[in-house]
Amino acid sequence: MLFQVKMDVHIPLDMPVEKANEIKAIEKAYSQDLQRQGKWRHIWRITGQYANISIFDVENNEELHTILQRLPLYPYMKVEVMPLNRHPSSIREDDQ
C-alpha cells in the first residue's frame, strides 16, 4: 500500500543542540535503512519549512503506524497521512 505522509517537525527551542543533532543522526540512519528496504520510496523537503513529503510503500496501515512511531523525531512532529491508490489512467506499472 502506498501512503503520502507529510511530516512537520517542531523541535523545542530549549532542546540542547547536541541532543537535537544526536536525534537527527539516529533518524537519518533509520530513514535511510527504510529507503534501502524500499519501504520509504521517496522523500522531498518542503522549501522554507522544517517539513517533508514522503511516499511509503508498506503492507498495511499498522506497518506505517509502527514505522512512523519509531522515528526519533516523532514526538516533535505533526504527521498527516493520505492513502494512495493507483489511478486507472496511469501509464506506470510500478505505481501500485
N, C-alpha and C. Protein backbone atom coordinates (compact mmCIF):
# COMPACT_ATOMS: atom_id res chain seq x y z
N MET A 1 0.85 -1.17 0.00
CA MET A 1 0.00 0.00 0.00
C MET A 1 0.89 1.24 0.00
N LEU A 2 0.50 2.21 -0.80
CA LEU A 2 1.23 3.47 -0.85
C LEU A 2 0.54 4.52 0.00
N PHE A 3 1.36 5.30 0.69
CA PHE A 3 0.87 6.40 1.51
C PHE A 3 1.72 7.62 1.28
N GLN A 4 1.06 8.76 1.17
CA GLN A 4 1.77 10.04 1.21
C GLN A 4 1.75 10.50 2.66
N VAL A 5 2.90 10.88 3.18
CA VAL A 5 2.98 11.34 4.56
C VAL A 5 3.67 12.69 4.58
N LYS A 6 3.01 13.67 5.18
CA LYS A 6 3.62 14.98 5.41
C LYS A 6 4.04 15.03 6.86
N MET A 7 5.30 15.38 7.08
CA MET A 7 5.84 15.47 8.43
C MET A 7 6.35 16.88 8.68
N ASP A 8 5.73 17.57 9.62
CA ASP A 8 6.19 18.89 10.07
C ASP A 8 6.91 18.70 11.40
N VAL A 9 8.16 19.13 11.45
CA VAL A 9 8.98 18.92 12.64
C VAL A 9 9.04 20.20 13.46
N HIS A 10 8.83 20.06 14.77
CA HIS A 10 8.86 21.20 15.69
C HIS A 10 9.71 20.83 16.91
N ILE A 11 11.02 20.89 16.74
CA ILE A 11 11.93 20.60 17.85
C ILE A 11 11.83 21.76 18.85
N PRO A 12 11.69 21.46 20.13
CA PRO A 12 11.59 22.53 21.12
C PRO A 12 12.82 23.44 21.07
N LEU A 13 12.58 24.73 21.16
CA LEU A 13 13.67 25.71 21.09
C LEU A 13 14.67 25.56 22.24
N ASP A 14 14.21 25.00 23.36
CA ASP A 14 15.11 24.86 24.52
C ASP A 14 15.85 23.52 24.52
N MET A 15 15.70 22.70 23.48
CA MET A 15 16.43 21.44 23.43
C MET A 15 17.90 21.75 23.14
N PRO A 16 18.81 21.16 23.91
CA PRO A 16 20.23 21.38 23.64
C PRO A 16 20.59 20.95 22.22
N VAL A 17 21.44 21.72 21.57
CA VAL A 17 21.83 21.46 20.18
C VAL A 17 22.42 20.07 20.03
N GLU A 18 23.24 19.64 21.00
CA GLU A 18 23.87 18.33 20.92
C GLU A 18 22.82 17.21 20.89
N LYS A 19 21.80 17.35 21.73
CA LYS A 19 20.74 16.34 21.77
C LYS A 19 19.95 16.34 20.47
N ALA A 20 19.62 17.52 19.94
CA ALA A 20 18.90 17.61 18.68
C ALA A 20 19.71 16.97 17.55
N ASN A 21 21.01 17.25 17.51
CA ASN A 21 21.86 16.67 16.47
C ASN A 21 21.96 15.16 16.59
N GLU A 22 21.99 14.65 17.81
CA GLU A 22 22.04 13.21 18.03
C GLU A 22 20.75 12.55 17.53
N ILE A 23 19.62 13.13 17.86
CA ILE A 23 18.32 12.59 17.42
C ILE A 23 18.24 12.61 15.89
N LYS A 24 18.70 13.70 15.28
CA LYS A 24 18.66 13.81 13.81
C LYS A 24 19.55 12.76 13.15
N ALA A 25 20.71 12.49 13.72
CA ALA A 25 21.62 11.49 13.16
C ALA A 25 21.01 10.09 13.23
N ILE A 26 20.38 9.77 14.35
CA ILE A 26 19.73 8.46 14.50
C ILE A 26 18.57 8.35 13.52
N GLU A 27 17.80 9.42 13.38
CA GLU A 27 16.67 9.43 12.45
C GLU A 27 17.14 9.25 11.01
N LYS A 28 18.23 9.93 10.65
CA LYS A 28 18.75 9.81 9.29
C LYS A 28 19.13 8.36 8.98
N ALA A 29 19.83 7.71 9.90
CA ALA A 29 20.23 6.32 9.69
C ALA A 29 19.00 5.42 9.55
N TYR A 30 18.00 5.63 10.41
CA TYR A 30 16.77 4.83 10.37
C TYR A 30 16.03 5.04 9.05
N SER A 31 15.90 6.29 8.63
CA SER A 31 15.16 6.57 7.41
C SER A 31 15.90 6.04 6.18
N GLN A 32 17.22 6.12 6.18
CA GLN A 32 17.97 5.60 5.04
C GLN A 32 17.89 4.07 4.97
N ASP A 33 17.83 3.42 6.11
CA ASP A 33 17.64 1.96 6.13
C ASP A 33 16.27 1.61 5.53
N LEU A 34 15.24 2.35 5.91
CA LEU A 34 13.90 2.11 5.36
C LEU A 34 13.87 2.37 3.85
N GLN A 35 14.65 3.36 3.40
CA GLN A 35 14.73 3.63 1.96
C GLN A 35 15.40 2.45 1.23
N ARG A 36 16.47 1.93 1.81
CA ARG A 36 17.15 0.78 1.20
C ARG A 36 16.22 -0.44 1.13
N GLN A 37 15.35 -0.58 2.12
CA GLN A 37 14.40 -1.70 2.14
C GLN A 37 13.26 -1.50 1.14
N GLY A 38 13.11 -0.28 0.62
CA GLY A 38 12.02 0.02 -0.31
C GLY A 38 10.73 0.44 0.36
N LYS A 39 10.75 0.56 1.67
CA LYS A 39 9.53 0.96 2.40
C LYS A 39 9.31 2.48 2.34
N TRP A 40 10.41 3.24 2.37
CA TRP A 40 10.34 4.71 2.27
C TRP A 40 10.81 5.03 0.87
N ARG A 41 9.86 5.10 -0.08
CA ARG A 41 10.22 5.19 -1.50
C ARG A 41 10.74 6.55 -1.91
N HIS A 42 10.16 7.60 -1.39
CA HIS A 42 10.56 8.96 -1.78
C HIS A 42 10.51 9.87 -0.57
N ILE A 43 11.39 10.88 -0.57
CA ILE A 43 11.35 11.91 0.46
C ILE A 43 11.76 13.23 -0.19
N TRP A 44 10.96 14.25 0.02
CA TRP A 44 11.24 15.58 -0.50
C TRP A 44 11.11 16.61 0.61
N ARG A 45 12.02 17.56 0.63
CA ARG A 45 11.90 18.71 1.53
C ARG A 45 10.83 19.65 1.00
N ILE A 46 10.21 20.36 1.92
CA ILE A 46 9.29 21.43 1.54
C ILE A 46 10.06 22.73 1.75
N THR A 47 10.25 23.46 0.69
CA THR A 47 11.06 24.67 0.73
C THR A 47 10.54 25.65 1.77
N GLY A 48 11.48 26.14 2.59
CA GLY A 48 11.15 27.15 3.59
C GLY A 48 10.53 26.61 4.86
N GLN A 49 10.41 25.29 4.98
CA GLN A 49 9.81 24.69 6.17
C GLN A 49 10.71 23.58 6.69
N TYR A 50 10.59 23.27 7.97
CA TYR A 50 11.25 22.07 8.50
C TYR A 50 10.21 20.96 8.39
N ALA A 51 10.03 20.50 7.15
CA ALA A 51 8.97 19.54 6.84
C ALA A 51 9.35 18.76 5.60
N ASN A 52 8.70 17.61 5.42
CA ASN A 52 8.91 16.82 4.22
C ASN A 52 7.61 16.17 3.78
N ILE A 53 7.61 15.80 2.51
CA ILE A 53 6.57 14.96 1.94
C ILE A 53 7.26 13.66 1.56
N SER A 54 6.71 12.55 2.00
CA SER A 54 7.31 11.25 1.72
C SER A 54 6.27 10.29 1.17
N ILE A 55 6.76 9.31 0.44
CA ILE A 55 5.92 8.22 -0.05
C ILE A 55 6.43 6.93 0.57
N PHE A 56 5.54 6.23 1.24
CA PHE A 56 5.85 4.95 1.86
C PHE A 56 5.14 3.84 1.10
N ASP A 57 5.81 2.70 0.98
CA ASP A 57 5.25 1.51 0.35
C ASP A 57 5.32 0.39 1.39
N VAL A 58 4.21 0.17 2.08
CA VAL A 58 4.17 -0.77 3.20
C VAL A 58 3.02 -1.74 3.04
N GLU A 59 3.00 -2.77 3.87
CA GLU A 59 1.97 -3.80 3.77
C GLU A 59 0.58 -3.31 4.17
N ASN A 60 0.52 -2.45 5.20
CA ASN A 60 -0.79 -2.04 5.70
C ASN A 60 -0.65 -0.82 6.61
N ASN A 61 -1.78 -0.34 7.11
CA ASN A 61 -1.81 0.83 7.99
C ASN A 61 -0.95 0.62 9.23
N GLU A 62 -1.04 -0.56 9.79
CA GLU A 62 -0.31 -0.85 11.03
C GLU A 62 1.20 -0.76 10.83
N GLU A 63 1.70 -1.27 9.71
CA GLU A 63 3.14 -1.18 9.46
C GLU A 63 3.57 0.28 9.34
N LEU A 64 2.80 1.08 8.63
CA LEU A 64 3.14 2.51 8.53
C LEU A 64 3.12 3.17 9.89
N HIS A 65 2.09 2.88 10.67
CA HIS A 65 1.97 3.45 12.02
C HIS A 65 3.20 3.11 12.86
N THR A 66 3.62 1.87 12.81
CA THR A 66 4.79 1.42 13.57
C THR A 66 6.05 2.14 13.10
N ILE A 67 6.24 2.23 11.79
CA ILE A 67 7.42 2.93 11.24
C ILE A 67 7.45 4.37 11.72
N LEU A 68 6.32 5.05 11.60
CA LEU A 68 6.28 6.47 11.99
C LEU A 68 6.54 6.66 13.47
N GLN A 69 5.96 5.80 14.30
CA GLN A 69 6.15 5.96 15.74
C GLN A 69 7.59 5.66 16.17
N ARG A 70 8.33 4.91 15.36
CA ARG A 70 9.73 4.61 15.67
C ARG A 70 10.68 5.73 15.25
N LEU A 71 10.18 6.71 14.50
CA LEU A 71 11.04 7.83 14.12
C LEU A 71 11.47 8.58 15.38
N PRO A 72 12.76 8.80 15.57
CA PRO A 72 13.22 9.51 16.76
C PRO A 72 12.63 10.91 16.91
N LEU A 73 12.31 11.56 15.78
CA LEU A 73 11.72 12.90 15.85
C LEU A 73 10.19 12.87 15.97
N TYR A 74 9.60 11.68 15.96
CA TYR A 74 8.14 11.56 16.00
C TYR A 74 7.48 12.37 17.13
N PRO A 75 8.05 12.38 18.34
CA PRO A 75 7.40 13.17 19.40
C PRO A 75 7.33 14.66 19.09
N TYR A 76 8.11 15.12 18.12
CA TYR A 76 8.16 16.54 17.79
C TYR A 76 7.54 16.83 16.42
N MET A 77 6.74 15.91 15.93
CA MET A 77 6.16 16.04 14.59
C MET A 77 4.65 16.18 14.61
N LYS A 78 4.17 16.89 13.60
CA LYS A 78 2.77 16.83 13.23
C LYS A 78 2.76 16.01 11.94
N VAL A 79 2.01 14.93 11.91
CA VAL A 79 2.02 13.99 10.79
C VAL A 79 0.64 13.93 10.15
N GLU A 80 0.62 14.03 8.82
CA GLU A 80 -0.61 13.87 8.06
C GLU A 80 -0.41 12.73 7.07
N VAL A 81 -1.33 11.77 7.08
CA VAL A 81 -1.21 10.57 6.23
C VAL A 81 -2.36 10.55 5.23
N MET A 82 -2.00 10.25 3.97
CA MET A 82 -3.01 10.12 2.93
C MET A 82 -2.77 8.81 2.17
N PRO A 83 -3.71 7.85 2.26
CA PRO A 83 -3.57 6.62 1.48
C PRO A 83 -3.69 6.93 -0.01
N LEU A 84 -2.89 6.23 -0.82
CA LEU A 84 -2.89 6.45 -2.26
C LEU A 84 -3.31 5.18 -2.98
N ASN A 85 -4.04 5.34 -4.08
CA ASN A 85 -4.45 4.23 -4.92
C ASN A 85 -4.03 4.53 -6.35
N ARG A 86 -3.72 3.49 -7.08
CA ARG A 86 -3.32 3.64 -8.47
C ARG A 86 -4.46 4.26 -9.28
N HIS A 87 -4.11 5.24 -10.09
CA HIS A 87 -5.11 5.89 -10.95
C HIS A 87 -5.27 5.06 -12.23
N PRO A 88 -6.50 4.83 -12.67
CA PRO A 88 -6.71 3.99 -13.85
C PRO A 88 -6.11 4.57 -15.13
N SER A 89 -5.80 5.86 -15.16
CA SER A 89 -5.21 6.47 -16.36
C SER A 89 -3.68 6.45 -16.33
N SER A 90 -3.10 5.96 -15.25
CA SER A 90 -1.63 5.95 -15.14
C SER A 90 -1.02 4.99 -16.15
N ILE A 91 0.08 5.42 -16.76
CA ILE A 91 0.80 4.54 -17.69
C ILE A 91 1.94 3.81 -16.98
N ARG A 92 2.17 4.10 -15.71
CA ARG A 92 3.24 3.47 -14.92
C ARG A 92 2.75 2.16 -14.33
N GLU A 93 3.55 1.12 -14.49
CA GLU A 93 3.18 -0.19 -13.94
C GLU A 93 3.65 -0.34 -12.50
N ASP A 94 4.58 0.53 -12.05
CA ASP A 94 5.17 0.36 -10.72
C ASP A 94 4.62 1.34 -9.70
N ASP A 95 3.49 1.96 -9.97
CA ASP A 95 2.94 2.93 -9.02
C ASP A 95 1.76 2.37 -8.24
N GLN A 96 1.91 1.12 -7.83
CA GLN A 96 0.84 0.47 -7.09
C GLN A 96 1.10 0.54 -5.61
